[in-house]
Amino acid sequence: MPNIGYGSNKKTRHLLPNGFLKFVVNNVAELEVLLMHNRKYCAEIAHNVSGRKRREIIERAEQLNVRVTNPNARVRAEENELTMSDVKAGAGIPEPGEIDMHPSLLLRVARHGASLSTSSSLRLLNPAGLGGVRCISKRAAEEARRESIKQRNRRAVMYLAGTAIAWVGISYAAVPLYKIFCQMTGFGGTTRRVEEFVADKLTPREDAKPIRITFDGGVSANMPWVFRPQQRDLLLVPGETALAFYTAKNKTDKAITGVATYNVFPPSAGVYFNKIQCFCFEEQRLKPNEEIDMPVFFFIDPEICDDPSMSGVHNITLSYTFFKTDDVSEDEVDGDD
């Protein structure tokens, strides 16, 4: 018995009736035509297959468009079944690559839209010499297979292109999205930017110990700037204001725009680190070889002294990282000079 099937040969040995030439396919996805069933074949299916499986085989099929090799024969389609009636004797001669089938067979096409395996040369001859039904040729099957491969390739290319475009968009939106996320959640030790202050917030706590503020700065891999703090650290009492400076220099001969993100370590200290003025999340554009100083005006909320979880925190690090946002054209550079 041939190997026909879903991937399990045992399940699919009943697909062809006895007495007909058998052929081998790799799987059901390669079948173009399901041969169903003269009366004898119906009995075979009923005997070997459960009623539920038999109904699935029949219901999942569609009518195959065919044409008759004998012009005197007529084809009638009833309820997705093809029958031959009023067939007169006369041998239909198939063209190369086509298939002759006994007219009493009912032919159906699987909904998979699959095709016959090109490696199989199936030729079911009409033993009675009656007019037969001409089926899809191997050439057409091969063309359908190639078209299916092209469609899969097009879908793959579109998927990859869409993924690349999405990542580019995400990279441009990363900084503002990160800003919104951090400001809403305090993630990563994001500091607060204060617009209005209560008087007691800006009054140094006499009973508080000074906290050492350490400054750190850097740039992303594609940012051709030098960016560093002008001071390494300073001591600050909660409630006392402080002013620190960072220096940025464009090392190239082109104008470059950048934007800085920041965070605080330990992250739990971020909610108590209040900025009055800073350059973070604002675009900074430097001309070729330009160097500028950037101030940060801030204070530590005195409430940090009342938080038991912060009792062991004596050092806080404020860190900035500059990212390149776009490339400035030569016309814009000339316009700034």
C-alpha atoms as a PDB file:
ATOM      1  CA  MET A   1       0.000   0.000   0.000  1.00  0.00           C
ATOM      2  CA  PRO A   2       1.366   3.466  -0.759  1.00  0.00           C
ATOM      3  CA  ASN A   3       2.393   6.147   1.675  1.00  0.00           C
ATOM      4  CA  ILE A   4      -0.386   8.706   1.472  1.00  0.00           C
ATOM      5  CA  GLY A   5      -1.006  10.958   4.226  1.00  0.00           C
ATOM      6  CA  TYR A   6      -1.191  13.408   6.942  1.00  0.00           C
ATOM      7  CA  GLY A   7       2.238  12.467   8.227  1.00  0.00           C
ATOM      8  CA  SER A   8       1.049   9.130   9.594  1.00  0.00           C
ATOM      9  CA  ASN A   9       0.765   6.427   6.959  1.00  0.00           C
ATOM     10  CA  LYS A  10      -1.505   4.280   9.093  1.00  0.00           C
ATOM     11  CA  LYS A  11      -4.240   6.913   9.108  1.00  0.00           C
ATOM     12  CA  THR A  12      -4.418   7.416   5.359  1.00  0.00           C
ATOM     13  CA  ARG A  13      -4.150   4.050   3.654  1.00  0.00           C
ATOM     14  CA  HIS A  14      -7.873   4.176   2.895  1.00  0.00           C
ATOM     15  CA  LEU A  15      -7.781   7.268   0.669  1.00  0.00           C
ATOM     16  CA  LEU A  16      -7.710   5.339  -2.632  1.00  0.00           C
ATOM     17  CA  PRO A  17     -10.036   2.482  -3.632  1.00  0.00           C
ATOM     18  CA  ASN A  18      -8.723  -0.952  -4.451  1.00  0.00           C
ATOM     19  CA  GLY A  19      -8.118  -1.707  -8.107  1.00  0.00           C
ATOM     20  CA  PHE A  20      -6.674   1.686  -9.003  1.00  0.00           C
ATOM     21  CA  LEU A  21      -3.070   2.651  -9.541  1.00  0.00           C
ATOM     22  CA  LYS A  22      -1.560   3.892  -6.270  1.00  0.00           C
ATOM     23  CA  PHE A  23       0.789   6.865  -5.981  1.00  0.00           C
ATOM     24  CA  VAL A  24       2.996   8.356  -3.283  1.00  0.00           C
ATOM     25  CA  VAL A  25       2.759  11.921  -1.925  1.00  0.00           C
ATOM     26  CA  ASN A  26       4.588  13.549   0.939  1.00  0.00           C
ATOM     27  CA  ASN A  27       1.547  14.757   2.830  1.00  0.00           C
ATOM     28  CA  VAL A  28      -2.038  15.868   2.430  1.00  0.00           C
ATOM     29  CA  ALA A  29      -0.874  19.423   1.784  1.00  0.00           C
ATOM     30  CA  GLU A  30       0.457  18.154  -1.566  1.00  0.00           C
ATOM     31  CA  LEU A  31      -2.796  16.505  -2.701  1.00  0.00           C
ATOM     32  CA  GLU A  32      -4.624  18.341  -5.464  1.00  0.00           C
ATOM     33  CA  VAL A  33      -7.402  15.828  -5.929  1.00  0.00           C
ATOM     34  CA  LEU A  34      -9.072  13.569  -3.383  1.00  0.00           C
ATOM     35  CA  LEU A  35     -10.486  10.555  -5.127  1.00  0.00           C
ATOM     36  CA  MET A  36     -13.933   9.953  -3.732  1.00  0.00           C
ATOM     37  CA  HIS A  37     -15.863   7.542  -4.133  1.00  0.00           C
ATOM     38  CA  ASN A  38     -17.820   5.125  -6.300  1.00  0.00           C
ATOM     39  CA  ARG A  39     -20.238   2.840  -4.544  1.00  0.00           C
ATOM     40  CA  LYS A  40     -17.600   0.212  -3.884  1.00  0.00           C
ATOM     41  CA  TYR A  41     -15.271   2.852  -2.452  1.00  0.00           C
ATOM     42  CA  CYS A  42     -18.053   4.155  -0.201  1.00  0.00           C
ATOM     43  CA  ALA A  43     -18.326   0.700   1.299  1.00  0.00           C
ATOM     44  CA  GLU A  44     -14.559   0.622   1.854  1.00  0.00           C
ATOM     45  CA  ILE A  45     -14.576   3.971   3.648  1.00  0.00           C
ATOM     46  CA  ALA A  46     -17.576   2.964   5.745  1.00  0.00           C
ATOM     47  CA  HIS A  47     -15.800  -0.213   6.754  1.00  0.00           C
ATOM     48  CA  ASN A  48     -12.352   1.201   7.509  1.00  0.00           C
ATOM     49  CA  VAL A  49     -13.098   4.722   8.783  1.00  0.00           C
ATOM     50  CA  SER A  50     -15.343   6.024  11.522  1.00  0.00           C
ATOM     51  CA  GLY A  51     -18.495   7.826  10.529  1.00  0.00           C
ATOM     52  CA  ARG A  52     -17.222  11.099  11.967  1.00  0.00           C
ATOM     53  CA  LYS A  53     -13.966  10.870  10.043  1.00  0.00           C
ATOM     54  CA  ARG A  54     -15.834   9.988   6.854  1.00  0.00           C
ATOM     55  CA  ARG A  55     -18.042  13.068   7.223  1.00  0.00           C
ATOM     56  CA  GLU A  56     -14.968  15.245   7.804  1.00  0.00           C
ATOM     57  CA  ILE A  57     -13.327  13.926   4.637  1.00  0.00           C
ATOM     58  CA  ILE A  58     -16.417  14.651   2.575  1.00  0.00           C
ATOM     59  CA  GLU A  59     -17.442  17.978   4.165  1.00  0.00           C
ATOM     60  CA  ARG A  60     -13.985  19.544   3.936  1.00  0.00           C
ATOM     61  CA  ALA A  61     -13.869  19.209   0.177  1.00  0.00           C
ATOM     62  CA  GLU A  62     -14.936  21.523  -2.620  1.00  0.00           C
ATOM     63  CA  GLN A  63     -16.109  20.810  -6.098  1.00  0.00           C
ATOM     64  CA  LEU A  64     -13.388  20.487  -8.716  1.00  0.00           C
ATOM     65  CA  ASN A  65     -13.846  22.352 -11.984  1.00  0.00           C
ATOM     66  CA  VAL A  66     -13.355  19.809 -14.736  1.00  0.00           C
ATOM     67  CA  ARG A  67     -13.974  19.397 -18.409  1.00  0.00           C
ATOM     68  CA  VAL A  68     -14.914  16.242 -20.269  1.00  0.00           C
ATOM     69  CA  THR A  69     -12.539  14.697 -22.787  1.00  0.00           C
ATOM     70  CA  ASN A  70     -15.432  13.197 -24.729  1.00  0.00           C
ATOM     71  CA  PRO A  71     -17.612  15.996 -26.130  1.00  0.00           C
ATOM     72  CA  ASN A  72     -20.612  13.649 -26.121  1.00  0.00           C
ATOM     73  CA  ALA A  73     -20.443  13.250 -22.360  1.00  0.00           C
ATOM     74  CA  ARG A  74     -22.143  15.632 -19.940  1.00  0.00           C
ATOM     75  CA  VAL A  75     -21.124  16.667 -16.448  1.00  0.00           C
ATOM     76  CA  ARG A  76     -23.690  17.478 -13.785  1.00  0.00           C
ATOM     77  CA  ALA A  77     -22.798  19.109 -10.431  1.00  0.00           C
ATOM     78  CA  GLU A  78     -25.141  18.364  -7.570  1.00  0.00           C
ATOM     79  CA  GLU A  79     -24.361  19.300  -3.975  1.00  0.00           C
ATOM     80  CA  ASN A  80     -20.634  19.532  -4.667  1.00  0.00           C
ATOM     81  CA  GLU A  81     -20.570  16.093  -6.341  1.00  0.00           C
ATOM     82  CA  LEU A  82     -19.622  15.414  -9.970  1.00  0.00           C
ATOM     83  CA  THR A  83     -21.396  12.556 -11.762  1.00  0.00           C
ATOM     84  CA  MET A  84     -21.296  11.372 -15.360  1.00  0.00           C
ATOM     85  CA  SER A  85     -24.563  10.695 -17.136  1.00  0.00           C
ATOM     86  CA  ASP A  86     -25.536   9.815 -20.644  1.00  0.00           C
ATOM     87  CA  VAL A  87     -21.969   8.806 -21.366  1.00  0.00           C
ATOM     88  CA  LYS A  88     -21.477   7.210 -24.749  1.00  0.00           C
ATOM     89  CA  ALA A  89     -18.655   4.854 -25.533  1.00  0.00           C
ATOM     90  CA  GLY A  90     -15.520   6.415 -26.877  1.00  0.00           C
ATOM     91  CA  ALA A  91     -11.988   6.657 -25.618  1.00  0.00           C
ATOM     92  CA  GLY A  92     -10.896  10.079 -24.415  1.00  0.00           C
ATOM     93  CA  ILE A  93      -7.217  10.704 -25.108  1.00  0.00           C
ATOM     94  CA  PRO A  94      -5.596  12.832 -22.424  1.00  0.00           C
ATOM     95  CA  GLU A  95      -2.896  15.331 -23.155  1.00  0.00           C
ATOM     96  CA  PRO A  96       0.603  14.761 -21.704  1.00  0.00           C
ATOM     97  CA  GLY A  97       0.700  15.319 -17.977  1.00  0.00           C
ATOM     98  CA  GLU A  98      -3.078  15.027 -17.595  1.00  0.00           C
ATOM     99  CA  ILE A  99      -5.077  12.349 -15.842  1.00  0.00           C
ATOM    100  CA  ASP A 100      -7.899  10.114 -17.065  1.00  0.00           C
ATOM    101  CA  MET A 101     -10.304   8.946 -14.390  1.00  0.00           C
ATOM    102  CA  HIS A 102     -13.211   6.571 -14.361  1.00  0.00           C
ATOM    103  CA  PRO A 103     -16.439   8.575 -14.786  1.00  0.00           C
ATOM    104  CA  SER A 104     -18.108   6.879 -11.814  1.00  0.00           C
ATOM    105  CA  LEU A 105     -15.577   8.490  -9.446  1.00  0.00           C
ATOM    106  CA  LEU A 106     -16.510  11.670  -7.612  1.00  0.00           C
ATOM    107  CA  LEU A 107     -13.665  14.180  -7.634  1.00  0.00           C
ATOM    108  CA  ARG A 108     -13.206  16.815  -4.982  1.00  0.00           C
ATOM    109  CA  VAL A 109     -10.556  19.448  -4.246  1.00  0.00           C
ATOM    110  CA  ALA A 110      -9.271  19.806  -0.715  1.00  0.00           C
ATOM    111  CA  ARG A 111      -9.801  23.204   0.888  1.00  0.00           C
ATOM    112  CA  HIS A 112      -6.047  23.350   1.477  1.00  0.00           C
ATOM    113  CA  GLY A 113      -5.680  24.456  -2.160  1.00  0.00           C
ATOM    114  CA  ALA A 114      -2.806  22.001  -2.440  1.00  0.00           C
ATOM    115  CA  SER A 115      -1.375  20.396  -5.550  1.00  0.00           C
ATOM    116  CA  LEU A 116      -0.279  16.966  -6.712  1.00  0.00           C
ATOM    117  CA  SER A 117       3.294  16.094  -5.973  1.00  0.00           C
ATOM    118  CA  THR A 118       5.354  16.796  -9.073  1.00  0.00           C
ATOM    119  CA  SER A 119       7.367  13.666  -8.378  1.00  0.00           C
ATOM    120  CA  SER A 120       4.342  11.424  -8.900  1.00  0.00           C
ATOM    121  CA  SER A 121       3.242  10.540 -12.420  1.00  0.00           C
ATOM    122  CA  LEU A 122      -0.352   9.583 -11.751  1.00  0.00           C
ATOM    123  CA  ARG A 123      -2.302   8.216 -14.686  1.00  0.00           C
ATOM    124  CA  LEU A 124      -5.575   6.475 -13.826  1.00  0.00           C
ATOM    125  CA  LEU A 125      -6.731   4.951 -17.066  1.00  0.00           C
ATOM    126  CA  ASN A 126     -10.340   4.326 -17.929  1.00  0.00           C
ATOM    127  CA  PRO A 127     -10.558   0.512 -18.054  1.00  0.00           C
ATOM    128  CA  ALA A 128     -13.869   0.514 -19.885  1.00  0.00           C
ATOM    129  CA  GLY A 129     -12.702   2.891 -22.576  1.00  0.00           C
ATOM    130  CA  LEU A 130     -15.373   5.384 -21.585  1.00  0.00           C
ATOM    131  CA  GLY A 131     -15.086   9.115 -21.835  1.00  0.00           C
ATOM    132  CA  GLY A 132     -13.112  10.369 -18.846  1.00  0.00           C
ATOM    133  CA  VAL A 133     -12.638  13.592 -16.896  1.00  0.00           C
ATOM    134  CA  ARG A 134      -9.549  15.657 -17.584  1.00  0.00           C
ATOM    135  CA  CYS A 135      -7.898  16.890 -14.403  1.00  0.00           C
ATOM    136  CA  ILE A 136      -5.297  19.534 -13.553  1.00  0.00           C
ATOM    137  CA  SER A 137      -1.975  18.913 -15.320  1.00  0.00           C
ATOM    138  CA  LYS A 138       1.350  18.536 -13.572  1.00  0.00           C
ATOM    139  CA  ARG A 139       2.500  21.753 -15.237  1.00  0.00           C
ATOM    140  CA  ALA A 140      -0.390  23.656 -13.702  1.00  0.00           C
ATOM    141  CA  ALA A 141       0.313  22.019 -10.360  1.00  0.00           C
ATOM    142  CA  GLU A 142       3.967  23.069 -10.549  1.00  0.00           C
ATOM    143  CA  GLU A 143       2.975  26.637 -11.438  1.00  0.00           C
ATOM    144  CA  ALA A 144       0.577  26.709  -8.497  1.00  0.00           C
ATOM    145  CA  ARG A 145       3.334  25.447  -6.208  1.00  0.00           C
ATOM    146  CA  ARG A 146       5.759  28.128  -7.422  1.00  0.00           C
ATOM    147  CA  GLU A 147       3.113  30.816  -6.984  1.00  0.00           C
ATOM    148  CA  SER A 148       2.477  29.611  -3.435  1.00  0.00           C
ATOM    149  CA  ILE A 149       6.209  29.850  -2.676  1.00  0.00           C
ATOM    150  CA  LYS A 150       6.319  33.378  -4.128  1.00  0.00           C
ATOM    151  CA  GLN A 151       3.401  34.440  -1.945  1.00  0.00           C
ATOM    152  CA  ARG A 152       5.086  33.048   1.164  1.00  0.00           C
ATOM    153  CA  ASN A 153       8.310  34.849   0.247  1.00  0.00           C
ATOM    154  CA  ARG A 154       6.437  38.127  -0.293  1.00  0.00           C
ATOM    155  CA  ARG A 155       4.758  37.779   3.091  1.00  0.00           C
ATOM    156  CA  ALA A 156       8.113  37.081   4.729  1.00  0.00           C
ATOM    157  CA  VAL A 157       9.694  40.149   3.087  1.00  0.00           C
ATOM    158  CA  MET A 158       6.767  42.346   4.138  1.00  0.00           C
ATOM    159  CA  TYR A 159       7.004  41.030   7.692  1.00  0.00           C
ATOM    160  CA  LEU A 160      10.741  41.713   7.905  1.00  0.00           C
ATOM    161  CA  ALA A 161      10.338  45.179   6.375  1.00  0.00           C
ATOM    162  CA  GLY A 162       7.536  46.003   8.794  1.00  0.00           C
ATOM    163  CA  THR A 163       9.633  44.803  11.714  1.00  0.00           C
ATOM    164  CA  ALA A 164      12.581  46.958  10.620  1.00  0.00           C
ATOM    165  CA  ILE A 165      10.366  50.041  10.229  1.00  0.00           C
ATOM    166  CA  ALA A 166       8.810  49.399  13.636  1.00  0.00           C
ATOM    167  CA  TRP A 167      12.217  49.196  15.312  1.00  0.00           C
ATOM    168  CA  VAL A 168      13.319  52.438  13.657  1.00  0.00           C
ATOM    169  CA  GLY A 169      10.175  54.133  14.940  1.00  0.00           C
ATOM    170  CA  ILE A 170      10.708  52.721  18.411  1.00  0.00           C
ATOM    171  CA  SER A 171      14.301  53.969  18.467  1.00  0.00           C
ATOM    172  CA  TYR A 172      13.168  57.530  17.658  1.00  0.00           C
ATOM    173  CA  ALA A 173      10.335  57.385  20.178  1.00  0.00           C
ATOM    174  CA  ALA A 174      12.387  55.729  22.925  1.00  0.00           C
ATOM    175  CA  VAL A 175      13.592  58.904  24.643  1.00  0.00           C
ATOM    176  CA  PRO A 176      10.238  60.727  24.933  1.00  0.00           C
ATOM    177  CA  LEU A 177       8.456  57.495  25.861  1.00  0.00           C
ATOM    178  CA  TYR A 178      11.087  56.789  28.489  1.00  0.00           C
ATOM    179  CA  LYS A 179      10.615  60.300  29.857  1.00  0.00           C
ATOM    180  CA  ILE A 180       6.841  59.893  30.154  1.00  0.00           C
ATOM    181  CA  PHE A 181       7.124  56.432  31.660  1.00  0.00           C
ATOM    182  CA  CYS A 182       9.718  57.442  34.239  1.00  0.00           C
ATOM    183  CA  GLN A 183       7.890  60.591  35.262  1.00  0.00           C
ATOM    184  CA  MET A 184       4.651  58.657  35.751  1.00  0.00           C
ATOM    185  CA  THR A 185       6.148  55.694  37.611  1.00  0.00           C
ATOM    186  CA  GLY A 186       9.432  56.942  39.083  1.00  0.00           C
ATOM    187  CA  PHE A 187      11.132  53.978  37.394  1.00  0.00           C
ATOM    188  CA  GLY A 188      14.917  53.849  37.506  1.00  0.00           C
ATOM    189  CA  GLY A 189      15.217  56.532  40.157  1.00  0.00           C
ATOM    190  CA  THR A 190      13.792  59.276  37.973  1.00  0.00           C
ATOM    191  CA  THR A 191      13.970  62.627  39.706  1.00  0.00           C
ATOM    192  CA  ARG A 192      11.193  65.131  40.166  1.00  0.00           C
ATOM    193  CA  ARG A 193      11.097  68.476  38.428  1.00  0.00           C
ATOM    194  CA  VAL A 194       9.549  71.048  40.709  1.00  0.00           C
ATOM    195  CA  GLU A 195       7.657  74.108  39.468  1.00  0.00           C
ATOM    196  CA  GLU A 196       6.240  75.382  42.737  1.00  0.00           C
ATOM    197  CA  PHE A 197       7.841  74.928  46.132  1.00  0.00           C
ATOM    198  CA  VAL A 198       6.543  74.952  49.631  1.00  0.00           C
ATOM    199  CA  ALA A 199       8.707  77.131  51.883  1.00  0.00           C
ATOM    200  CA  ASP A 200       9.551  74.356  54.314  1.00  0.00           C
ATOM    201  CA  LYS A 201      10.842  72.183  51.444  1.00  0.00           C
ATOM    202  CA  LEU A 202      13.643  74.682  50.847  1.00  0.00           C
ATOM    203  CA  THR A 203      14.623  74.992  54.482  1.00  0.00           C
ATOM    204  CA  PRO A 204      17.641  72.872  55.436  1.00  0.00           C
ATOM    205  CA  ARG A 205      16.967  70.315  58.166  1.00  0.00           C
ATOM    206  CA  GLU A 206      19.216  71.084  61.122  1.00  0.00           C
ATOM    207  CA  ASP A 207      19.068  67.528  62.430  1.00  0.00           C
ATOM    208  CA  ALA A 208      19.871  65.978  59.055  1.00  0.00           C
ATOM    209  CA  LYS A 209      23.252  64.611  58.058  1.00  0.00           C
ATOM    210  CA  PRO A 210      24.739  65.805  54.765  1.00  0.00           C
ATOM    211  CA  ILE A 211      24.305  63.502  51.788  1.00  0.00           C
ATOM    212  CA  ARG A 212      27.080  63.138  49.239  1.00  0.00           C
ATOM    213  CA  ILE A 213      25.842  63.766  45.689  1.00  0.00           C
ATOM    214  CA  THR A 214      28.034  62.156  43.016  1.00  0.00           C
ATOM    215  CA  PHE A 215      27.763  63.263  39.384  1.00  0.00           C
ATOM    216  CA  ASP A 216      28.216  61.029  36.355  1.00  0.00           C
ATOM    217  CA  GLY A 217      27.910  61.666  32.605  1.00  0.00           C
ATOM    218  CA  GLY A 218      28.344  59.805  29.331  1.00  0.00           C
ATOM    219  CA  VAL A 219      27.159  59.465  25.744  1.00  0.00           C
ATOM    220  CA  SER A 220      25.650  56.664  23.654  1.00  0.00           C
ATOM    221  CA  ALA A 221      27.776  54.682  21.199  1.00  0.00           C
ATOM    222  CA  ASN A 222      26.771  56.747  18.149  1.00  0.00           C
ATOM    223  CA  MET A 223      27.075  60.161  19.828  1.00  0.00           C
ATOM    224  CA  PRO A 224      30.342  61.969  18.853  1.00  0.00           C
ATOM    225  CA  TRP A 225      30.302  64.308  21.835  1.00  0.00           C
ATOM    226  CA  VAL A 226      32.388  64.630  24.957  1.00  0.00           C
ATOM    227  CA  PHE A 227      30.069  64.979  27.949  1.00  0.00           C
ATOM    228  CA  ARG A 228      31.231  65.069  31.556  1.00  0.00           C
ATOM    229  CA  PRO A 229      30.432  66.738  34.910  1.00  0.00           C
ATOM    230  CA  GLN A 230      32.577  69.677  36.026  1.00  0.00           C
ATOM    231  CA  GLN A 231      32.558  68.492  39.648  1.00  0.00           C
ATOM    232  CA  ARG A 232      32.936  64.964  40.936  1.00  0.00           C
ATOM    233  CA  ASP A 233      30.672  65.306  43.983  1.00  0.00           C
ATOM    234  CA  LEU A 234      29.395  67.656  46.690  1.00  0.00           C
ATOM    235  CA  LEU A 235      27.850  67.447  50.163  1.00  0.00           C
ATOM    236  CA  LEU A 236      24.254  68.587  50.484  1.00  0.00           C
ATOM    237  CA  VAL A 237      21.904  68.857  53.465  1.00  0.00           C
ATOM    238  CA  PRO A 238      18.264  67.910  52.713  1.00  0.00           C
ATOM    239  CA  GLY A 239      16.306  71.099  52.012  1.00  0.00           C
ATOM    240  CA  GLU A 240      19.412  72.950  50.772  1.00  0.00           C
ATOM    241  CA  THR A 241      19.647  73.983  47.115  1.00  0.00           C
ATOM    242  CA  ALA A 242      22.708  73.273  44.979  1.00  0.00           C
ATOM    243  CA  LEU A 243      23.964  74.191  41.511  1.00  0.00           C
ATOM    244  CA  ALA A 244      26.114  71.822  39.440  1.00  0.00           C
ATOM    245  CA  PHE A 245      27.451  72.021  35.885  1.00  0.00           C
ATOM    246  CA  TYR A 246      28.082  69.587  33.041  1.00  0.00           C
ATOM    247  CA  THR A 247      30.185  70.297  29.934  1.00  0.00           C
ATOM    248  CA  ALA A 248      29.325  69.066  26.443  1.00  0.00           C
ATOM    249  CA  LYS A 249      31.526  69.384  23.347  1.00  0.00           C
ATOM    250  CA  ASN A 250      30.813  68.473  19.729  1.00  0.00           C
ATOM    251  CA  LYS A 251      33.993  66.877  18.348  1.00  0.00           C
ATOM    252  CA  THR A 252      32.856  66.803  14.701  1.00  0.00           C
ATOM    253  CA  ASP A 253      32.743  69.335  11.862  1.00  0.00           C
ATOM    254  CA  LYS A 254      28.943  69.049  11.626  1.00  0.00           C
ATOM    255  CA  ALA A 255      26.174  70.388  13.821  1.00  0.00           C
ATOM    256  CA  ILE A 256      24.630  67.645  15.947  1.00  0.00           C
ATOM    257  CA  THR A 257      21.500  67.602  18.084  1.00  0.00           C
ATOM    258  CA  GLY A 258      21.273  65.469  21.195  1.00  0.00           C
ATOM    259  CA  VAL A 259      18.999  64.840  24.130  1.00  0.00           C
ATOM    260  CA  ALA A 260      19.885  63.633  27.623  1.00  0.00           C
ATOM    261  CA  THR A 261      18.173  61.119  29.868  1.00  0.00           C
ATOM    262  CA  TYR A 262      18.937  60.767  33.548  1.00  0.00           C
ATOM    263  CA  ASN A 263      18.371  58.644  36.608  1.00  0.00           C
ATOM    264  CA  VAL A 264      19.337  58.430  40.238  1.00  0.00           C
ATOM    265  CA  PHE A 265      20.987  55.671  42.210  1.00  0.00           C
ATOM    266  CA  PRO A 266      19.770  54.218  44.454  1.00  0.00           C
ATOM    267  CA  PRO A 267      16.411  54.263  42.621  1.00  0.00           C
ATOM    268  CA  SER A 268      14.481  54.757  45.868  1.00  0.00           C
ATOM    269  CA  ALA A 269      16.122  58.185  46.255  1.00  0.00           C
ATOM    270  CA  GLY A 270      14.668  59.448  42.977  1.00  0.00           C
ATOM    271  CA  VAL A 271      11.390  60.596  44.533  1.00  0.00           C
ATOM    272  CA  TYR A 272      13.322  62.868  46.915  1.00  0.00           C
ATOM    273  CA  PHE A 273      15.657  64.335  44.284  1.00  0.00           C
ATOM    274  CA  ASN A 274      13.944  67.525  43.062  1.00  0.00           C
ATOM    275  CA  LYS A 275      15.235  69.494  40.067  1.00  0.00           C
ATOM    276  CA  ILE A 276      14.428  73.170  39.764  1.00  0.00           C
ATOM    277  CA  GLN A 277      16.239  73.606  36.454  1.00  0.00           C
ATOM    278  CA  CYS A 278      18.058  71.157  34.176  1.00  0.00           C
ATOM    279  CA  PHE A 279      18.756  70.318  30.523  1.00  0.00           C
ATOM    280  CA  CYS A 280      17.340  66.782  30.543  1.00  0.00           C
ATOM    281  CA  PHE A 281      14.833  65.657  27.898  1.00  0.00           C
ATOM    282  CA  GLU A 282      15.385  68.913  25.998  1.00  0.00           C
ATOM    283  CA  GLU A 283      17.169  68.942  22.654  1.00  0.00           C
ATOM    284  CA  GLN A 284      20.631  70.480  22.776  1.00  0.00           C
ATOM    285  CA  ARG A 285      22.189  71.421  19.441  1.00  0.00           C
ATOM    286  CA  LEU A 286      25.897  72.088  19.162  1.00  0.00           C
ATOM    287  CA  LYS A 287      27.674  73.589  16.184  1.00  0.00           C
ATOM    288  CA  PRO A 288      30.882  72.029  14.856  1.00  0.00           C
ATOM    289  CA  ASN A 289      33.473  71.868  17.659  1.00  0.00           C
ATOM    290  CA  GLU A 290      31.232  73.917  19.958  1.00  0.00           C
ATOM    291  CA  GLU A 291      31.499  73.509  23.740  1.00  0.00           C
ATOM    292  CA  ILE A 292      28.848  74.597  26.255  1.00  0.00           C
ATOM    293  CA  ASP A 293      28.165  74.386  29.990  1.00  0.00           C
ATOM    294  CA  MET A 294      24.841  72.983  31.185  1.00  0.00           C
ATOM    295  CA  PRO A 295      23.535  73.775  34.702  1.00  0.00           C
ATOM    296  CA  VAL A 296      21.530  71.580  37.052  1.00  0.00           C
ATOM    297  CA  PHE A 297      19.761  73.341  39.938  1.00  0.00           C
ATOM    298  CA  PHE A 298      18.299  70.941  42.506  1.00  0.00           C
ATOM    299  CA  PHE A 299      17.641  70.071  46.153  1.00  0.00           C
ATOM    300  CA  ILE A 300      16.907  66.999  48.261  1.00  0.00           C
ATOM    301  CA  ASP A 301      13.439  66.841  49.815  1.00  0.00           C
ATOM    302  CA  PRO A 302      13.730  67.035  53.641  1.00  0.00           C
ATOM    303  CA  GLU A 303      11.135  64.253  53.895  1.00  0.00           C
ATOM    304  CA  ILE A 304      13.920  61.829  53.053  1.00  0.00           C
ATOM    305  CA  CYS A 305      14.917  62.102  56.714  1.00  0.00           C
ATOM    306  CA  ASP A 306      11.512  60.755  57.798  1.00  0.00           C
ATOM    307  CA  ASP A 307      11.625  57.702  55.537  1.00  0.00           C
ATOM    308  CA  PRO A 308      12.935  54.668  57.485  1.00  0.00           C
ATOM    309  CA  SER A 309      13.890  52.902  54.242  1.00  0.00           C
ATOM    310  CA  MET A 310      16.300  55.775  53.432  1.00  0.00           C
ATOM    311  CA  SER A 311      18.076  55.824  56.791  1.00  0.00           C
ATOM    312  CA  GLY A 312      21.080  53.972  55.391  1.00  0.00           C
ATOM    313  CA  VAL A 313      21.420  56.102  52.251  1.00  0.00           C
ATOM    314  CA  HIS A 314      24.359  58.502  52.531  1.00  0.00           C
ATOM    315  CA  ASN A 315      25.379  58.699  48.865  1.00  0.00           C
ATOM    316  CA  ILE A 316      23.224  59.539  45.840  1.00  0.00           C
ATOM    317  CA  THR A 317      24.454  59.446  42.237  1.00  0.00           C
ATOM    318  CA  LEU A 318      22.940  61.654  39.529  1.00  0.00           C
ATOM    319  CA  SER A 319      23.721  60.243  36.085  1.00  0.00           C
ATOM    320  CA  TYR A 320      23.097  61.688  32.598  1.00  0.00           C
ATOM    321  CA  THR A 321      23.473  60.045  29.181  1.00  0.00           C
ATOM    322  CA  PHE A 322      23.312  61.977  25.894  1.00  0.00           C
ATOM    323  CA  PHE A 323      21.784  60.398  22.769  1.00  0.00           C
ATOM    324  CA  LYS A 324      22.011  61.594  19.187  1.00  0.00           C
ATOM    325  CA  THR A 325      18.581  62.531  17.849  1.00  0.00           C
ATOM    326  CA  ASP A 326      19.158  63.475  14.209  1.00  0.00           C
ATOM    327  CA  ASP A 327      21.664  64.592  11.585  1.00  0.00           C
ATOM    328  CA  VAL A 328      21.682  68.276  10.693  1.00  0.00           C
ATOM    329  CA  SER A 329      22.035  69.137   7.029  1.00  0.00           C
ATOM    330  CA  GLU A 330      24.856  71.303   5.728  1.00  0.00           C
ATOM    331  CA  ASP A 331      22.352  74.043   4.839  1.00  0.00           C
ATOM    332  CA  GLU A 332      21.266  74.285   8.475  1.00  0.00           C
ATOM    333  CA  VAL A 333      24.872  74.421   9.583  1.00  0.00           C
ATOM    334  CA  ASP A 334      25.655  77.236   7.168  1.00  0.00           C
ATOM    335  CA  GLY A 335      22.566  79.105   8.338  1.00  0.00           C
ATOM    336  CA  ASP A 336      23.792  79.048  11.927  1.00  0.00           C
ATOM    337  CA  ASP A 337      27.253  80.438  11.118  1.00  0.00           C
END
